[in-house]
Amino acid sequence: MSLIISARVREKLKQKHRVSEDEIIDCFANINGRYLRDKREQHQTNPPTLWFIAETDS
């Protein structure tokens, strides 16, 4: 799977959430269900911010 992650987002995921790029790829591969749209005013973006919950392979 090819996934493009900006340097800023990669650093945030690493530092704030302690999530590796391999774990991110696992989650995208394991999506089971629908995306959730973030409707909070401070998170309004174009395109909209979408969330999902998924497990890693480990």
C-alpha atoms as a PDB file:
ATOM      1  CA  MET A   1       0.000   0.000   0.000  1.00  0.00           C
ATOM      2  CA  SER A   2       1.309   3.428  -0.927  1.00  0.00           C
ATOM      3  CA  LEU A   3       0.537   6.066   1.670  1.00  0.00           C
ATOM      4  CA  ILE A   4       1.679   9.681   1.580  1.00  0.00           C
ATOM      5  CA  ILE A   5       2.135  11.240   5.028  1.00  0.00           C
ATOM      6  CA  SER A   6       3.358  14.797   5.362  1.00  0.00           C
ATOM      7  CA  ALA A   7       6.410  15.381   7.541  1.00  0.00           C
ATOM      8  CA  ARG A   8       4.305  17.456   9.950  1.00  0.00           C
ATOM      9  CA  VAL A   9       1.676  14.728  10.391  1.00  0.00           C
ATOM     10  CA  ARG A  10       4.312  11.988  10.644  1.00  0.00           C
ATOM     11  CA  GLU A  11       6.070  13.888  13.442  1.00  0.00           C
ATOM     12  CA  LYS A  12       2.798  14.536  15.297  1.00  0.00           C
ATOM     13  CA  LEU A  13       1.816  10.870  15.127  1.00  0.00           C
ATOM     14  CA  LYS A  14       5.262   9.829  16.334  1.00  0.00           C
ATOM     15  CA  GLN A  15       5.632  12.354  19.164  1.00  0.00           C
ATOM     16  CA  LYS A  16       2.089  12.898  20.410  1.00  0.00           C
ATOM     17  CA  HIS A  17       0.518   9.507  19.735  1.00  0.00           C
ATOM     18  CA  ARG A  18       3.564   7.192  19.605  1.00  0.00           C
ATOM     19  CA  VAL A  19       2.347   5.630  16.350  1.00  0.00           C
ATOM     20  CA  SER A  20       4.730   4.322  13.690  1.00  0.00           C
ATOM     21  CA  GLU A  21       4.232   4.511   9.935  1.00  0.00           C
ATOM     22  CA  ASP A  22       3.873   0.702   9.815  1.00  0.00           C
ATOM     23  CA  GLU A  23       1.042   0.894  12.360  1.00  0.00           C
ATOM     24  CA  ILE A  24      -0.690   3.555  10.255  1.00  0.00           C
ATOM     25  CA  ILE A  25      -0.471   1.345   7.173  1.00  0.00           C
ATOM     26  CA  ASP A  26      -1.851  -1.602   9.181  1.00  0.00           C
ATOM     27  CA  CYS A  27      -4.851   0.471  10.266  1.00  0.00           C
ATOM     28  CA  PHE A  28      -5.680   1.590   6.730  1.00  0.00           C
ATOM     29  CA  ALA A  29      -5.447  -2.019   5.557  1.00  0.00           C
ATOM     30  CA  ASN A  30      -7.727  -3.175   8.407  1.00  0.00           C
ATOM     31  CA  ILE A  31     -10.543  -0.612   8.119  1.00  0.00           C
ATOM     32  CA  ASN A  32     -13.834  -2.306   8.894  1.00  0.00           C
ATOM     33  CA  GLY A  33     -16.769   0.076   8.860  1.00  0.00           C
ATOM     34  CA  ARG A  34     -17.495   3.634   7.881  1.00  0.00           C
ATOM     35  CA  TYR A  35     -15.553   6.855   8.164  1.00  0.00           C
ATOM     36  CA  LEU A  36     -16.732   9.404  10.709  1.00  0.00           C
ATOM     37  CA  ARG A  37     -16.914  13.085   9.711  1.00  0.00           C
ATOM     38  CA  ASP A  38     -15.485  15.562  12.217  1.00  0.00           C
ATOM     39  CA  LYS A  39     -18.147  18.258  12.557  1.00  0.00           C
ATOM     40  CA  ARG A  40     -16.412  20.326  15.229  1.00  0.00           C
ATOM     41  CA  GLU A  41     -16.054  23.938  14.116  1.00  0.00           C
ATOM     42  CA  GLN A  42     -12.301  24.146  14.815  1.00  0.00           C
ATOM     43  CA  HIS A  43     -11.712  21.040  12.649  1.00  0.00           C
ATOM     44  CA  GLN A  44     -13.582  22.161   9.538  1.00  0.00           C
ATOM     45  CA  THR A  45     -11.344  21.651   6.515  1.00  0.00           C
ATOM     46  CA  ASN A  46     -11.714  21.286   2.776  1.00  0.00           C
ATOM     47  CA  PRO A  47     -11.838  18.374   2.146  1.00  0.00           C
ATOM     48  CA  PRO A  48     -13.557  17.410   5.419  1.00  0.00           C
ATOM     49  CA  THR A  49     -11.607  15.664   8.180  1.00  0.00           C
ATOM     50  CA  LEU A  50     -12.594  12.010   8.355  1.00  0.00           C
ATOM     51  CA  TRP A  51     -11.879   9.574  11.199  1.00  0.00           C
ATOM     52  CA  PHE A  52     -11.859   5.815  11.472  1.00  0.00           C
ATOM     53  CA  ILE A  53     -11.000   3.215  14.076  1.00  0.00           C
ATOM     54  CA  ALA A  54      -8.971   0.153  13.145  1.00  0.00           C
ATOM     55  CA  GLU A  55      -6.554  -2.309  14.685  1.00  0.00           C
ATOM     56  CA  THR A  56      -2.928  -2.919  13.795  1.00  0.00           C
ATOM     57  CA  ASP A  57      -1.748  -6.386  12.840  1.00  0.00           C
ATOM     58  CA  SER A  58      -0.026  -6.757  16.187  1.00  0.00           C
END
